[in-house]
Amino acid sequence: RGLELLKVRSRDVLEHIERVVHHVRRLE
């Protein structure tokens, strides 16, 4: 269970980074 939660959190962090990338490119 802890490993699955760790994977979920990792994917969530990646999704936040992709939001930042999308926003920066939109500003460009």
mmCIF file of all heavy atoms, coordinates in Angstrom:
data_MODEL
# 
_entry.id   MODEL 
# 
loop_
_atom_site.group_PDB 
_atom_site.id 
_atom_site.type_symbol 
_atom_site.label_atom_id 
_atom_site.label_alt_id 
_atom_site.label_comp_id 
_atom_site.label_asym_id 
_atom_site.label_entity_id 
_atom_site.label_seq_id 
_atom_site.pdbx_PDB_ins_code 
_atom_site.Cartn_x 
_atom_site.Cartn_y 
_atom_site.Cartn_z 
_atom_site.occupancy 
_atom_site.B_iso_or_equiv 
_atom_site.pdbx_formal_charge 
_atom_site.auth_seq_id 
_atom_site.auth_comp_id 
_atom_site.auth_asym_id 
_atom_site.auth_atom_id 
_atom_site.pdbx_PDB_model_num 
ATOM 1   N N   . ARG A 1 1  ? 0.829  -1.211 0.000   1.00 0.00 ? 1  ARG A N   1 
ATOM 2   C CA  . ARG A 1 1  ? 0.000  0.000  0.000   1.00 0.00 ? 1  ARG A CA  1 
ATOM 3   C C   . ARG A 1 1  ? 0.863  1.261  0.000   1.00 0.00 ? 1  ARG A C   1 
ATOM 4   O O   . ARG A 1 1  ? 0.591  2.208  -0.726  1.00 0.00 ? 1  ARG A O   1 
ATOM 5   C CB  . ARG A 1 1  ? -0.932 -0.004 1.209   1.00 0.00 ? 1  ARG A CB  1 
ATOM 6   C CG  . ARG A 1 1  ? -1.763 1.264  1.321   1.00 0.00 ? 1  ARG A CG  1 
ATOM 7   C CD  . ARG A 1 1  ? -2.778 1.194  2.432   1.00 0.00 ? 1  ARG A CD  1 
ATOM 8   N NE  . ARG A 1 1  ? -3.453 2.475  2.616   1.00 0.00 ? 1  ARG A NE  1 
ATOM 9   C CZ  . ARG A 1 1  ? -4.427 2.928  1.829   1.00 0.00 ? 1  ARG A CZ  1 
ATOM 10  N NH1 . ARG A 1 1  ? -4.833 2.195  0.807   1.00 0.00 ? 1  ARG A NH1 1 
ATOM 11  N NH2 . ARG A 1 1  ? -5.005 4.088  2.064   1.00 0.00 ? 1  ARG A NH2 1 
ATOM 12  N N   . GLY A 1 2  ? 1.913  1.248  0.816   1.00 0.00 ? 2  GLY A N   1 
ATOM 13  C CA  . GLY A 1 2  ? 2.797  2.414  0.850   1.00 0.00 ? 2  GLY A CA  1 
ATOM 14  C C   . GLY A 1 2  ? 3.483  2.652  -0.480  1.00 0.00 ? 2  GLY A C   1 
ATOM 15  O O   . GLY A 1 2  ? 3.642  3.799  -0.914  1.00 0.00 ? 2  GLY A O   1 
ATOM 16  N N   . LEU A 1 3  ? 3.872  1.573  -1.153  1.00 0.00 ? 3  LEU A N   1 
ATOM 17  C CA  . LEU A 1 3  ? 4.504  1.717  -2.462  1.00 0.00 ? 3  LEU A CA  1 
ATOM 18  C C   . LEU A 1 3  ? 3.523  2.251  -3.495  1.00 0.00 ? 3  LEU A C   1 
ATOM 19  O O   . LEU A 1 3  ? 3.881  3.088  -4.342  1.00 0.00 ? 3  LEU A O   1 
ATOM 20  C CB  . LEU A 1 3  ? 5.078  0.374  -2.899  1.00 0.00 ? 3  LEU A CB  1 
ATOM 21  C CG  . LEU A 1 3  ? 5.901  0.367  -4.193  1.00 0.00 ? 3  LEU A CG  1 
ATOM 22  C CD1 . LEU A 1 3  ? 7.069  1.325  -4.100  1.00 0.00 ? 3  LEU A CD1 1 
ATOM 23  C CD2 . LEU A 1 3  ? 6.382  -1.047 -4.509  1.00 0.00 ? 3  LEU A CD2 1 
ATOM 24  N N   . GLU A 1 4  ? 2.271  1.781  -3.445  1.00 0.00 ? 4  GLU A N   1 
ATOM 25  C CA  . GLU A 1 4  ? 1.269  2.294  -4.371  1.00 0.00 ? 4  GLU A CA  1 
ATOM 26  C C   . GLU A 1 4  ? 0.999  3.775  -4.120  1.00 0.00 ? 4  GLU A C   1 
ATOM 27  O O   . GLU A 1 4  ? 0.874  4.562  -5.066  1.00 0.00 ? 4  GLU A O   1 
ATOM 28  C CB  . GLU A 1 4  ? -0.025 1.496  -4.223  1.00 0.00 ? 4  GLU A CB  1 
ATOM 29  C CG  . GLU A 1 4  ? 0.063  0.064  -4.711  1.00 0.00 ? 4  GLU A CG  1 
ATOM 30  C CD  . GLU A 1 4  ? 0.352  -0.018 -6.206  1.00 0.00 ? 4  GLU A CD  1 
ATOM 31  O OE1 . GLU A 1 4  ? -0.078 0.900  -6.931  1.00 0.00 ? 4  GLU A OE1 1 
ATOM 32  O OE2 . GLU A 1 4  ? 0.992  -0.991 -6.635  1.00 0.00 ? 4  GLU A OE2 1 
ATOM 33  N N   . LEU A 1 5  ? 0.919  4.183  -2.871  1.00 0.00 ? 5  LEU A N   1 
ATOM 34  C CA  . LEU A 1 5  ? 0.718  5.601  -2.555  1.00 0.00 ? 5  LEU A CA  1 
ATOM 35  C C   . LEU A 1 5  ? 1.906  6.431  -3.010  1.00 0.00 ? 5  LEU A C   1 
ATOM 36  O O   . LEU A 1 5  ? 1.749  7.578  -3.468  1.00 0.00 ? 5  LEU A O   1 
ATOM 37  C CB  . LEU A 1 5  ? 0.497  5.781  -1.055  1.00 0.00 ? 5  LEU A CB  1 
ATOM 38  C CG  . LEU A 1 5  ? -0.818 5.221  -0.493  1.00 0.00 ? 5  LEU A CG  1 
ATOM 39  C CD1 . LEU A 1 5  ? -0.863 5.396  1.014   1.00 0.00 ? 5  LEU A CD1 1 
ATOM 40  C CD2 . LEU A 1 5  ? -2.014 5.913  -1.138  1.00 0.00 ? 5  LEU A CD2 1 
ATOM 41  N N   . LEU A 1 6  ? 3.097  5.867  -2.910  1.00 0.00 ? 6  LEU A N   1 
ATOM 42  C CA  . LEU A 1 6  ? 4.298  6.576  -3.368  1.00 0.00 ? 6  LEU A CA  1 
ATOM 43  C C   . LEU A 1 6  ? 4.253  6.787  -4.878  1.00 0.00 ? 6  LEU A C   1 
ATOM 44  O O   . LEU A 1 6  ? 4.621  7.863  -5.387  1.00 0.00 ? 6  LEU A O   1 
ATOM 45  C CB  . LEU A 1 6  ? 5.529  5.776  -2.970  1.00 0.00 ? 6  LEU A CB  1 
ATOM 46  C CG  . LEU A 1 6  ? 6.885  6.508  -2.983  1.00 0.00 ? 6  LEU A CG  1 
ATOM 47  C CD1 . LEU A 1 6  ? 6.875  7.669  -2.017  1.00 0.00 ? 6  LEU A CD1 1 
ATOM 48  C CD2 . LEU A 1 6  ? 8.005  5.536  -2.646  1.00 0.00 ? 6  LEU A CD2 1 
ATOM 49  N N   . LYS A 1 7  ? 3.804  5.789  -5.604  1.00 0.00 ? 7  LYS A N   1 
ATOM 50  C CA  . LYS A 1 7  ? 3.680  5.925  -7.057  1.00 0.00 ? 7  LYS A CA  1 
ATOM 51  C C   . LYS A 1 7  ? 2.614  6.955  -7.427  1.00 0.00 ? 7  LYS A C   1 
ATOM 52  O O   . LYS A 1 7  ? 2.790  7.743  -8.364  1.00 0.00 ? 7  LYS A O   1 
ATOM 53  C CB  . LYS A 1 7  ? 3.347  4.565  -7.676  1.00 0.00 ? 7  LYS A CB  1 
ATOM 54  C CG  . LYS A 1 7  ? 4.467  3.544  -7.557  1.00 0.00 ? 7  LYS A CG  1 
ATOM 55  C CD  . LYS A 1 7  ? 4.054  2.210  -8.170  1.00 0.00 ? 7  LYS A CD  1 
ATOM 56  C CE  . LYS A 1 7  ? 5.177  1.180  -8.067  1.00 0.00 ? 7  LYS A CE  1 
ATOM 57  N NZ  . LYS A 1 7  ? 4.787  -0.141 -8.637  1.00 0.00 ? 7  LYS A NZ  1 
ATOM 58  N N   . VAL A 1 8  ? 1.509  6.949  -6.663  1.00 0.00 ? 8  VAL A N   1 
ATOM 59  C CA  . VAL A 1 8  ? 0.451  7.934  -6.924  1.00 0.00 ? 8  VAL A CA  1 
ATOM 60  C C   . VAL A 1 8  ? 0.977  9.344  -6.690  1.00 0.00 ? 8  VAL A C   1 
ATOM 61  O O   . VAL A 1 8  ? 0.729  10.265 -7.488  1.00 0.00 ? 8  VAL A O   1 
ATOM 62  C CB  . VAL A 1 8  ? -0.775 7.645  -6.042  1.00 0.00 ? 8  VAL A CB  1 
ATOM 63  C CG1 . VAL A 1 8  ? -1.776 8.792  -6.135  1.00 0.00 ? 8  VAL A CG1 1 
ATOM 64  C CG2 . VAL A 1 8  ? -1.433 6.349  -6.467  1.00 0.00 ? 8  VAL A CG2 1 
ATOM 65  N N   . ARG A 1 9  ? 1.710  9.537  -5.601  1.00 0.00 ? 9  ARG A N   1 
ATOM 66  C CA  . ARG A 1 9  ? 2.261  10.869 -5.312  1.00 0.00 ? 9  ARG A CA  1 
ATOM 67  C C   . ARG A 1 9  ? 3.275  11.278 -6.370  1.00 0.00 ? 9  ARG A C   1 
ATOM 68  O O   . ARG A 1 9  ? 3.355  12.449 -6.748  1.00 0.00 ? 9  ARG A O   1 
ATOM 69  C CB  . ARG A 1 9  ? 2.888  10.881 -3.923  1.00 0.00 ? 9  ARG A CB  1 
ATOM 70  C CG  . ARG A 1 9  ? 3.314  12.270 -3.465  1.00 0.00 ? 9  ARG A CG  1 
ATOM 71  C CD  . ARG A 1 9  ? 3.792  12.252 -2.020  1.00 0.00 ? 9  ARG A CD  1 
ATOM 72  N NE  . ARG A 1 9  ? 2.714  11.904 -1.108  1.00 0.00 ? 9  ARG A NE  1 
ATOM 73  C CZ  . ARG A 1 9  ? 1.824  12.766 -0.662  1.00 0.00 ? 9  ARG A CZ  1 
ATOM 74  N NH1 . ARG A 1 9  ? 1.859  14.033 -1.058  1.00 0.00 ? 9  ARG A NH1 1 
ATOM 75  N NH2 . ARG A 1 9  ? 0.886  12.380 0.173   1.00 0.00 ? 9  ARG A NH2 1 
ATOM 76  N N   . SER A 1 10 ? 4.062  10.325 -6.849  1.00 0.00 ? 10 SER A N   1 
ATOM 77  C CA  . SER A 1 10 ? 5.044  10.640 -7.900  1.00 0.00 ? 10 SER A CA  1 
ATOM 78  C C   . SER A 1 10 ? 4.346  11.094 -9.175  1.00 0.00 ? 10 SER A C   1 
ATOM 79  O O   . SER A 1 10 ? 4.777  12.058 -9.829  1.00 0.00 ? 10 SER A O   1 
ATOM 80  C CB  . SER A 1 10 ? 5.918  9.417  -8.183  1.00 0.00 ? 10 SER A CB  1 
ATOM 81  O OG  . SER A 1 10 ? 6.641  9.028  -7.039  1.00 0.00 ? 10 SER A OG  1 
ATOM 82  N N   . ARG A 1 11 ? 3.276  10.408 -9.542  1.00 0.00 ? 11 ARG A N   1 
ATOM 83  C CA  . ARG A 1 11 ? 2.524  10.820 -10.733 1.00 0.00 ? 11 ARG A CA  1 
ATOM 84  C C   . ARG A 1 11 ? 1.869  12.181 -10.522 1.00 0.00 ? 11 ARG A C   1 
ATOM 85  O O   . ARG A 1 11 ? 1.758  12.978 -11.468 1.00 0.00 ? 11 ARG A O   1 
ATOM 86  C CB  . ARG A 1 11 ? 1.483  9.757  -11.086 1.00 0.00 ? 11 ARG A CB  1 
ATOM 87  C CG  . ARG A 1 11 ? 2.080  8.453  -11.592 1.00 0.00 ? 11 ARG A CG  1 
ATOM 88  C CD  . ARG A 1 11 ? 1.010  7.561  -12.216 1.00 0.00 ? 11 ARG A CD  1 
ATOM 89  N NE  . ARG A 1 11 ? 0.038  7.107  -11.235 1.00 0.00 ? 11 ARG A NE  1 
ATOM 90  C CZ  . ARG A 1 11 ? 0.142  5.964  -10.545 1.00 0.00 ? 11 ARG A CZ  1 
ATOM 91  N NH1 . ARG A 1 11 ? 1.182  5.170  -10.738 1.00 0.00 ? 11 ARG A NH1 1 
ATOM 92  N NH2 . ARG A 1 11 ? -0.795 5.611  -9.681  1.00 0.00 ? 11 ARG A NH2 1 
ATOM 93  N N   . ASP A 1 12 ? 1.443  12.453 -9.310  1.00 0.00 ? 12 ASP A N   1 
ATOM 94  C CA  . ASP A 1 12 ? 0.843  13.754 -9.019  1.00 0.00 ? 12 ASP A CA  1 
ATOM 95  C C   . ASP A 1 12 ? 1.876  14.868 -9.153  1.00 0.00 ? 12 ASP A C   1 
ATOM 96  O O   . ASP A 1 12 ? 1.579  15.942 -9.696  1.00 0.00 ? 12 ASP A O   1 
ATOM 97  C CB  . ASP A 1 12 ? 0.253  13.746 -7.608  1.00 0.00 ? 12 ASP A CB  1 
ATOM 98  C CG  . ASP A 1 12 ? -0.413 15.068 -7.254  1.00 0.00 ? 12 ASP A CG  1 
ATOM 99  O OD1 . ASP A 1 12 ? -1.473 15.388 -7.838  1.00 0.00 ? 12 ASP A OD1 1 
ATOM 100 O OD2 . ASP A 1 12 ? 0.139  15.803 -6.408  1.00 0.00 ? 12 ASP A OD2 1 
ATOM 101 N N   . VAL A 1 13 ? 3.087  14.640 -8.669  1.00 0.00 ? 13 VAL A N   1 
ATOM 102 C CA  . VAL A 1 13 ? 4.156  15.628 -8.825  1.00 0.00 ? 13 VAL A CA  1 
ATOM 103 C C   . VAL A 1 13 ? 4.454  15.862 -10.297 1.00 0.00 ? 13 VAL A C   1 
ATOM 104 O O   . VAL A 1 13 ? 4.634  17.005 -10.756 1.00 0.00 ? 13 VAL A O   1 
ATOM 105 C CB  . VAL A 1 13 ? 5.420  15.173 -8.075  1.00 0.00 ? 13 VAL A CB  1 
ATOM 106 C CG1 . VAL A 1 13 ? 6.596  16.084 -8.402  1.00 0.00 ? 13 VAL A CG1 1 
ATOM 107 C CG2 . VAL A 1 13 ? 5.182  15.166 -6.576  1.00 0.00 ? 13 VAL A CG2 1 
ATOM 108 N N   . LEU A 1 14 ? 4.503  14.784 -11.065 1.00 0.00 ? 14 LEU A N   1 
ATOM 109 C CA  . LEU A 1 14 ? 4.754  14.920 -12.507 1.00 0.00 ? 14 LEU A CA  1 
ATOM 110 C C   . LEU A 1 14 ? 3.651  15.718 -13.187 1.00 0.00 ? 14 LEU A C   1 
ATOM 111 O O   . LEU A 1 14 ? 3.915  16.543 -14.072 1.00 0.00 ? 14 LEU A O   1 
ATOM 112 C CB  . LEU A 1 14 ? 4.879  13.530 -13.129 1.00 0.00 ? 14 LEU A CB  1 
ATOM 113 C CG  . LEU A 1 14 ? 5.191  13.483 -14.628 1.00 0.00 ? 14 LEU A CG  1 
ATOM 114 C CD1 . LEU A 1 14 ? 6.522  14.150 -14.917 1.00 0.00 ? 14 LEU A CD1 1 
ATOM 115 C CD2 . LEU A 1 14 ? 5.201  12.040 -15.119 1.00 0.00 ? 14 LEU A CD2 1 
ATOM 116 N N   . GLU A 1 15 ? 2.409  15.498 -12.770 1.00 0.00 ? 15 GLU A N   1 
ATOM 117 C CA  . GLU A 1 15 ? 1.285  16.246 -13.352 1.00 0.00 ? 15 GLU A CA  1 
ATOM 118 C C   . GLU A 1 15 ? 1.393  17.726 -13.021 1.00 0.00 ? 15 GLU A C   1 
ATOM 119 O O   . GLU A 1 15 ? 1.117  18.586 -13.874 1.00 0.00 ? 15 GLU A O   1 
ATOM 120 C CB  . GLU A 1 15 ? -0.031 15.668 -12.825 1.00 0.00 ? 15 GLU A CB  1 
ATOM 121 C CG  . GLU A 1 15 ? -1.286 16.217 -13.492 1.00 0.00 ? 15 GLU A CG  1 
ATOM 122 C CD  . GLU A 1 15 ? -1.829 17.444 -12.784 1.00 0.00 ? 15 GLU A CD  1 
ATOM 123 O OE1 . GLU A 1 15 ? -1.552 17.584 -11.574 1.00 0.00 ? 15 GLU A OE1 1 
ATOM 124 O OE2 . GLU A 1 15 ? -2.506 18.271 -13.439 1.00 0.00 ? 15 GLU A OE2 1 
ATOM 125 N N   . HIS A 1 16 ? 1.832  18.064 -11.815 1.00 0.00 ? 16 HIS A N   1 
ATOM 126 C CA  . HIS A 1 16 ? 2.014  19.472 -11.457 1.00 0.00 ? 16 HIS A CA  1 
ATOM 127 C C   . HIS A 1 16 ? 3.121  20.109 -12.302 1.00 0.00 ? 16 HIS A C   1 
ATOM 128 O O   . HIS A 1 16 ? 3.001  21.264 -12.728 1.00 0.00 ? 16 HIS A O   1 
ATOM 129 C CB  . HIS A 1 16 ? 2.352  19.578 -9.976  1.00 0.00 ? 16 HIS A CB  1 
ATOM 130 C CG  . HIS A 1 16 ? 1.172  19.375 -9.080  1.00 0.00 ? 16 HIS A CG  1 
ATOM 131 N ND1 . HIS A 1 16 ? 1.134  19.799 -7.774  1.00 0.00 ? 16 HIS A ND1 1 
ATOM 132 C CD2 . HIS A 1 16 ? -0.038 18.794 -9.304  1.00 0.00 ? 16 HIS A CD2 1 
ATOM 133 C CE1 . HIS A 1 16 ? -0.037 19.490 -7.236  1.00 0.00 ? 16 HIS A CE1 1 
ATOM 134 N NE2 . HIS A 1 16 ? -0.758 18.872 -8.157  1.00 0.00 ? 16 HIS A NE2 1 
ATOM 135 N N   . ILE A 1 17 ? 4.191  19.357 -12.521 1.00 0.00 ? 17 ILE A N   1 
ATOM 136 C CA  . ILE A 1 17 ? 5.275  19.890 -13.349 1.00 0.00 ? 17 ILE A CA  1 
ATOM 137 C C   . ILE A 1 17 ? 4.795  20.123 -14.772 1.00 0.00 ? 17 ILE A C   1 
ATOM 138 O O   . ILE A 1 17 ? 5.131  21.133 -15.412 1.00 0.00 ? 17 ILE A O   1 
ATOM 139 C CB  . ILE A 1 17 ? 6.481  18.936 -13.327 1.00 0.00 ? 17 ILE A CB  1 
ATOM 140 C CG1 . ILE A 1 17 ? 7.070  18.878 -11.912 1.00 0.00 ? 17 ILE A CG1 1 
ATOM 141 C CG2 . ILE A 1 17 ? 7.548  19.382 -14.316 1.00 0.00 ? 17 ILE A CG2 1 
ATOM 142 C CD1 . ILE A 1 17 ? 8.193  17.874 -11.773 1.00 0.00 ? 17 ILE A CD1 1 
ATOM 143 N N   . GLU A 1 18 ? 4.001  19.213 -15.297 1.00 0.00 ? 18 GLU A N   1 
ATOM 144 C CA  . GLU A 1 18 ? 3.472  19.385 -16.649 1.00 0.00 ? 18 GLU A CA  1 
ATOM 145 C C   . GLU A 1 18 ? 2.555  20.600 -16.736 1.00 0.00 ? 18 GLU A C   1 
ATOM 146 O O   . GLU A 1 18 ? 2.513  21.279 -17.766 1.00 0.00 ? 18 GLU A O   1 
ATOM 147 C CB  . GLU A 1 18 ? 2.735  18.119 -17.080 1.00 0.00 ? 18 GLU A CB  1 
ATOM 148 C CG  . GLU A 1 18 ? 3.669  16.936 -17.322 1.00 0.00 ? 18 GLU A CG  1 
ATOM 149 C CD  . GLU A 1 18 ? 2.919  15.664 -17.653 1.00 0.00 ? 18 GLU A CD  1 
ATOM 150 O OE1 . GLU A 1 18 ? 1.673  15.664 -17.461 1.00 0.00 ? 18 GLU A OE1 1 
ATOM 151 O OE2 . GLU A 1 18 ? 3.565  14.697 -18.096 1.00 0.00 ? 18 GLU A OE2 1 
ATOM 152 N N   . ARG A 1 19 ? 1.816  20.885 -15.670 1.00 0.00 ? 19 ARG A N   1 
ATOM 153 C CA  . ARG A 1 19 ? 1.001  22.104 -15.643 1.00 0.00 ? 19 ARG A CA  1 
ATOM 154 C C   . ARG A 1 19 ? 1.880  23.345 -15.718 1.00 0.00 ? 19 ARG A C   1 
ATOM 155 O O   . ARG A 1 19 ? 1.564  24.307 -16.419 1.00 0.00 ? 19 ARG A O   1 
ATOM 156 C CB  . ARG A 1 19 ? 0.160  22.135 -14.370 1.00 0.00 ? 19 ARG A CB  1 
ATOM 157 C CG  . ARG A 1 19 ? -1.030 21.187 -14.384 1.00 0.00 ? 19 ARG A CG  1 
ATOM 158 C CD  . ARG A 1 19 ? -1.676 21.093 -13.019 1.00 0.00 ? 19 ARG A CD  1 
ATOM 159 N NE  . ARG A 1 19 ? -2.056 22.420 -12.523 1.00 0.00 ? 19 ARG A NE  1 
ATOM 160 C CZ  . ARG A 1 19 ? -2.405 22.666 -11.269 1.00 0.00 ? 19 ARG A CZ  1 
ATOM 161 N NH1 . ARG A 1 19 ? -2.412 21.668 -10.387 1.00 0.00 ? 19 ARG A NH1 1 
ATOM 162 N NH2 . ARG A 1 19 ? -2.750 23.880 -10.907 1.00 0.00 ? 19 ARG A NH2 1 
ATOM 163 N N   . VAL A 1 20 ? 3.009  23.309 -14.996 1.00 0.00 ? 20 VAL A N   1 
ATOM 164 C CA  . VAL A 1 20 ? 3.931  24.443 -15.042 1.00 0.00 ? 20 VAL A CA  1 
ATOM 165 C C   . VAL A 1 20 ? 4.515  24.596 -16.443 1.00 0.00 ? 20 VAL A C   1 
ATOM 166 O O   . VAL A 1 20 ? 4.609  25.711 -16.974 1.00 0.00 ? 20 VAL A O   1 
ATOM 167 C CB  . VAL A 1 20 ? 5.050  24.258 -13.999 1.00 0.00 ? 20 VAL A CB  1 
ATOM 168 C CG1 . VAL A 1 20 ? 6.109  25.344 -14.147 1.00 0.00 ? 20 VAL A CG1 1 
ATOM 169 C CG2 . VAL A 1 20 ? 4.474  24.298 -12.587 1.00 0.00 ? 20 VAL A CG2 1 
ATOM 170 N N   . VAL A 1 21 ? 4.912  23.484 -17.058 1.00 0.00 ? 21 VAL A N   1 
ATOM 171 C CA  . VAL A 1 21 ? 5.460  23.532 -18.419 1.00 0.00 ? 21 VAL A CA  1 
ATOM 172 C C   . VAL A 1 21 ? 4.429  24.108 -19.384 1.00 0.00 ? 21 VAL A C   1 
ATOM 173 O O   . VAL A 1 21 ? 4.747  24.970 -20.223 1.00 0.00 ? 21 VAL A O   1 
ATOM 174 C CB  . VAL A 1 21 ? 5.907  22.123 -18.866 1.00 0.00 ? 21 VAL A CB  1 
ATOM 175 C CG1 . VAL A 1 21 ? 6.298  22.131 -20.342 1.00 0.00 ? 21 VAL A CG1 1 
ATOM 176 C CG2 . VAL A 1 21 ? 7.071  21.641 -18.016 1.00 0.00 ? 21 VAL A CG2 1 
ATOM 177 N N   . HIS A 1 22 ? 3.200  23.644 -19.278 1.00 0.00 ? 22 HIS A N   1 
ATOM 178 C CA  . HIS A 1 22 ? 2.134  24.147 -20.153 1.00 0.00 ? 22 HIS A CA  1 
ATOM 179 C C   . HIS A 1 22 ? 1.921  25.647 -19.942 1.00 0.00 ? 22 HIS A C   1 
ATOM 180 O O   . HIS A 1 22 ? 1.758  26.404 -20.916 1.00 0.00 ? 22 HIS A O   1 
ATOM 181 C CB  . HIS A 1 22 ? 0.842  23.379 -19.871 1.00 0.00 ? 22 HIS A CB  1 
ATOM 182 C CG  . HIS A 1 22 ? -0.346 23.911 -20.614 1.00 0.00 ? 22 HIS A CG  1 
ATOM 183 N ND1 . HIS A 1 22 ? -0.528 23.745 -21.977 1.00 0.00 ? 22 HIS A ND1 1 
ATOM 184 C CD2 . HIS A 1 22 ? -1.422 24.656 -20.192 1.00 0.00 ? 22 HIS A CD2 1 
ATOM 185 C CE1 . HIS A 1 22 ? -1.647 24.322 -22.357 1.00 0.00 ? 22 HIS A CE1 1 
ATOM 186 N NE2 . HIS A 1 22 ? -2.204 24.883 -21.298 1.00 0.00 ? 22 HIS A NE2 1 
ATOM 187 N N   . HIS A 1 23 ? 1.935  26.085 -18.704 1.00 0.00 ? 23 HIS A N   1 
ATOM 188 C CA  . HIS A 1 23 ? 1.700  27.507 -18.423 1.00 0.00 ? 23 HIS A CA  1 
ATOM 189 C C   . HIS A 1 23 ? 2.842  28.363 -18.945 1.00 0.00 ? 23 HIS A C   1 
ATOM 190 O O   . HIS A 1 23 ? 2.623  29.430 -19.527 1.00 0.00 ? 23 HIS A O   1 
ATOM 191 C CB  . HIS A 1 23 ? 1.528  27.706 -16.918 1.00 0.00 ? 23 HIS A CB  1 
ATOM 192 C CG  . HIS A 1 23 ? 1.205  29.114 -16.540 1.00 0.00 ? 23 HIS A CG  1 
ATOM 193 N ND1 . HIS A 1 23 ? 2.144  29.961 -15.971 1.00 0.00 ? 23 HIS A ND1 1 
ATOM 194 C CD2 . HIS A 1 23 ? 0.075  29.846 -16.662 1.00 0.00 ? 23 HIS A CD2 1 
ATOM 195 C CE1 . HIS A 1 23 ? 1.581  31.139 -15.752 1.00 0.00 ? 23 HIS A CE1 1 
ATOM 196 N NE2 . HIS A 1 23 ? 0.345  31.093 -16.155 1.00 0.00 ? 23 HIS A NE2 1 
ATOM 197 N N   . VAL A 1 24 ? 4.080  27.927 -18.736 1.00 0.00 ? 24 VAL A N   1 
ATOM 198 C CA  . VAL A 1 24 ? 5.233  28.699 -19.212 1.00 0.00 ? 24 VAL A CA  1 
ATOM 199 C C   . VAL A 1 24 ? 5.212  28.800 -20.735 1.00 0.00 ? 24 VAL A C   1 
ATOM 200 O O   . VAL A 1 24 ? 5.464  29.876 -21.308 1.00 0.00 ? 24 VAL A O   1 
ATOM 201 C CB  . VAL A 1 24 ? 6.545  28.052 -18.725 1.00 0.00 ? 24 VAL A CB  1 
ATOM 202 C CG1 . VAL A 1 24 ? 7.748  28.696 -19.408 1.00 0.00 ? 24 VAL A CG1 1 
ATOM 203 C CG2 . VAL A 1 24 ? 6.676  28.205 -17.210 1.00 0.00 ? 24 VAL A CG2 1 
ATOM 204 N N   . ARG A 1 25 ? 4.897  27.706 -21.404 1.00 0.00 ? 25 ARG A N   1 
ATOM 205 C CA  . ARG A 1 25 ? 4.858  27.748 -22.870 1.00 0.00 ? 25 ARG A CA  1 
ATOM 206 C C   . ARG A 1 25 ? 3.717  28.625 -23.369 1.00 0.00 ? 25 ARG A C   1 
ATOM 207 O O   . ARG A 1 25 ? 3.860  29.319 -24.380 1.00 0.00 ? 25 ARG A O   1 
ATOM 208 C CB  . ARG A 1 25 ? 4.715  26.327 -23.417 1.00 0.00 ? 25 ARG A CB  1 
ATOM 209 C CG  . ARG A 1 25 ? 5.974  25.505 -23.227 1.00 0.00 ? 25 ARG A CG  1 
ATOM 210 C CD  . ARG A 1 25 ? 5.836  24.097 -23.775 1.00 0.00 ? 25 ARG A CD  1 
ATOM 211 N NE  . ARG A 1 25 ? 7.096  23.371 -23.652 1.00 0.00 ? 25 ARG A NE  1 
ATOM 212 C CZ  . ARG A 1 25 ? 7.246  22.091 -23.968 1.00 0.00 ? 25 ARG A CZ  1 
ATOM 213 N NH1 . ARG A 1 25 ? 6.207  21.406 -24.432 1.00 0.00 ? 25 ARG A NH1 1 
ATOM 214 N NH2 . ARG A 1 25 ? 8.414  21.499 -23.825 1.00 0.00 ? 25 ARG A NH2 1 
ATOM 215 N N   . ARG A 1 26 ? 2.596  28.603 -22.651 1.00 0.00 ? 26 ARG A N   1 
ATOM 216 C CA  . ARG A 1 26 ? 1.487  29.472 -23.050 1.00 0.00 ? 26 ARG A CA  1 
ATOM 217 C C   . ARG A 1 26 ? 1.859  30.941 -22.885 1.00 0.00 ? 26 ARG A C   1 
ATOM 218 O O   . ARG A 1 26 ? 1.501  31.779 -23.722 1.00 0.00 ? 26 ARG A O   1 
ATOM 219 C CB  . ARG A 1 26 ? 0.253  29.147 -22.211 1.00 0.00 ? 26 ARG A CB  1 
ATOM 220 C CG  . ARG A 1 26 ? -0.992 29.932 -22.625 1.00 0.00 ? 26 ARG A CG  1 
ATOM 221 C CD  . ARG A 1 26 ? -2.227 29.370 -21.966 1.00 0.00 ? 26 ARG A CD  1 
ATOM 222 N NE  . ARG A 1 26 ? -2.137 29.431 -20.517 1.00 0.00 ? 26 ARG A NE  1 
ATOM 223 C CZ  . ARG A 1 26 ? -2.448 30.520 -19.800 1.00 0.00 ? 26 ARG A CZ  1 
ATOM 224 N NH1 . ARG A 1 26 ? -2.849 31.615 -20.423 1.00 0.00 ? 26 ARG A NH1 1 
ATOM 225 N NH2 . ARG A 1 26 ? -2.362 30.507 -18.494 1.00 0.00 ? 26 ARG A NH2 1 
ATOM 226 N N   . LEU A 1 27 ? 2.608  31.268 -21.835 1.00 0.00 ? 27 LEU A N   1 
ATOM 227 C CA  . LEU A 1 27 ? 3.061  32.644 -21.650 1.00 0.00 ? 27 LEU A CA  1 
ATOM 228 C C   . LEU A 1 27 ? 4.036  33.037 -22.757 1.00 0.00 ? 27 LEU A C   1 
ATOM 229 O O   . LEU A 1 27 ? 4.006  34.173 -23.251 1.00 0.00 ? 27 LEU A O   1 
ATOM 230 C CB  . LEU A 1 27 ? 3.715  32.803 -20.280 1.00 0.00 ? 27 LEU A CB  1 
ATOM 231 C CG  . LEU A 1 27 ? 2.778  32.736 -19.065 1.00 0.00 ? 27 LEU A CG  1 
ATOM 232 C CD1 . LEU A 1 27 ? 3.581  32.859 -17.774 1.00 0.00 ? 27 LEU A CD1 1 
ATOM 233 C CD2 . LEU A 1 27 ? 1.721  33.820 -19.126 1.00 0.00 ? 27 LEU A CD2 1 
ATOM 234 N N   . GLU A 1 28 ? 4.915  32.113 -23.142 1.00 0.00 ? 28 GLU A N   1 
ATOM 235 C CA  . GLU A 1 28 ? 5.826  32.389 -24.252 1.00 0.00 ? 28 GLU A CA  1 
ATOM 236 C C   . GLU A 1 28 ? 5.039  32.670 -25.528 1.00 0.00 ? 28 GLU A C   1 
ATOM 237 O O   . GLU A 1 28 ? 5.336  33.624 -26.273 1.00 0.00 ? 28 GLU A O   1 
ATOM 238 C CB  . GLU A 1 28 ? 6.758  31.202 -24.468 1.00 0.00 ? 28 GLU A CB  1 
ATOM 239 C CG  . GLU A 1 28 ? 7.898  31.100 -23.501 1.00 0.00 ? 28 GLU A CG  1 
ATOM 240 C CD  . GLU A 1 28 ? 8.888  30.028 -23.911 1.00 0.00 ? 28 GLU A CD  1 
ATOM 241 O OE1 . GLU A 1 28 ? 8.585  28.840 -23.678 1.00 0.00 ? 28 GLU A OE1 1 
ATOM 242 O OE2 . GLU A 1 28 ? 9.946  30.356 -24.456 1.00 0.00 ? 28 GLU A OE2 1 
# 
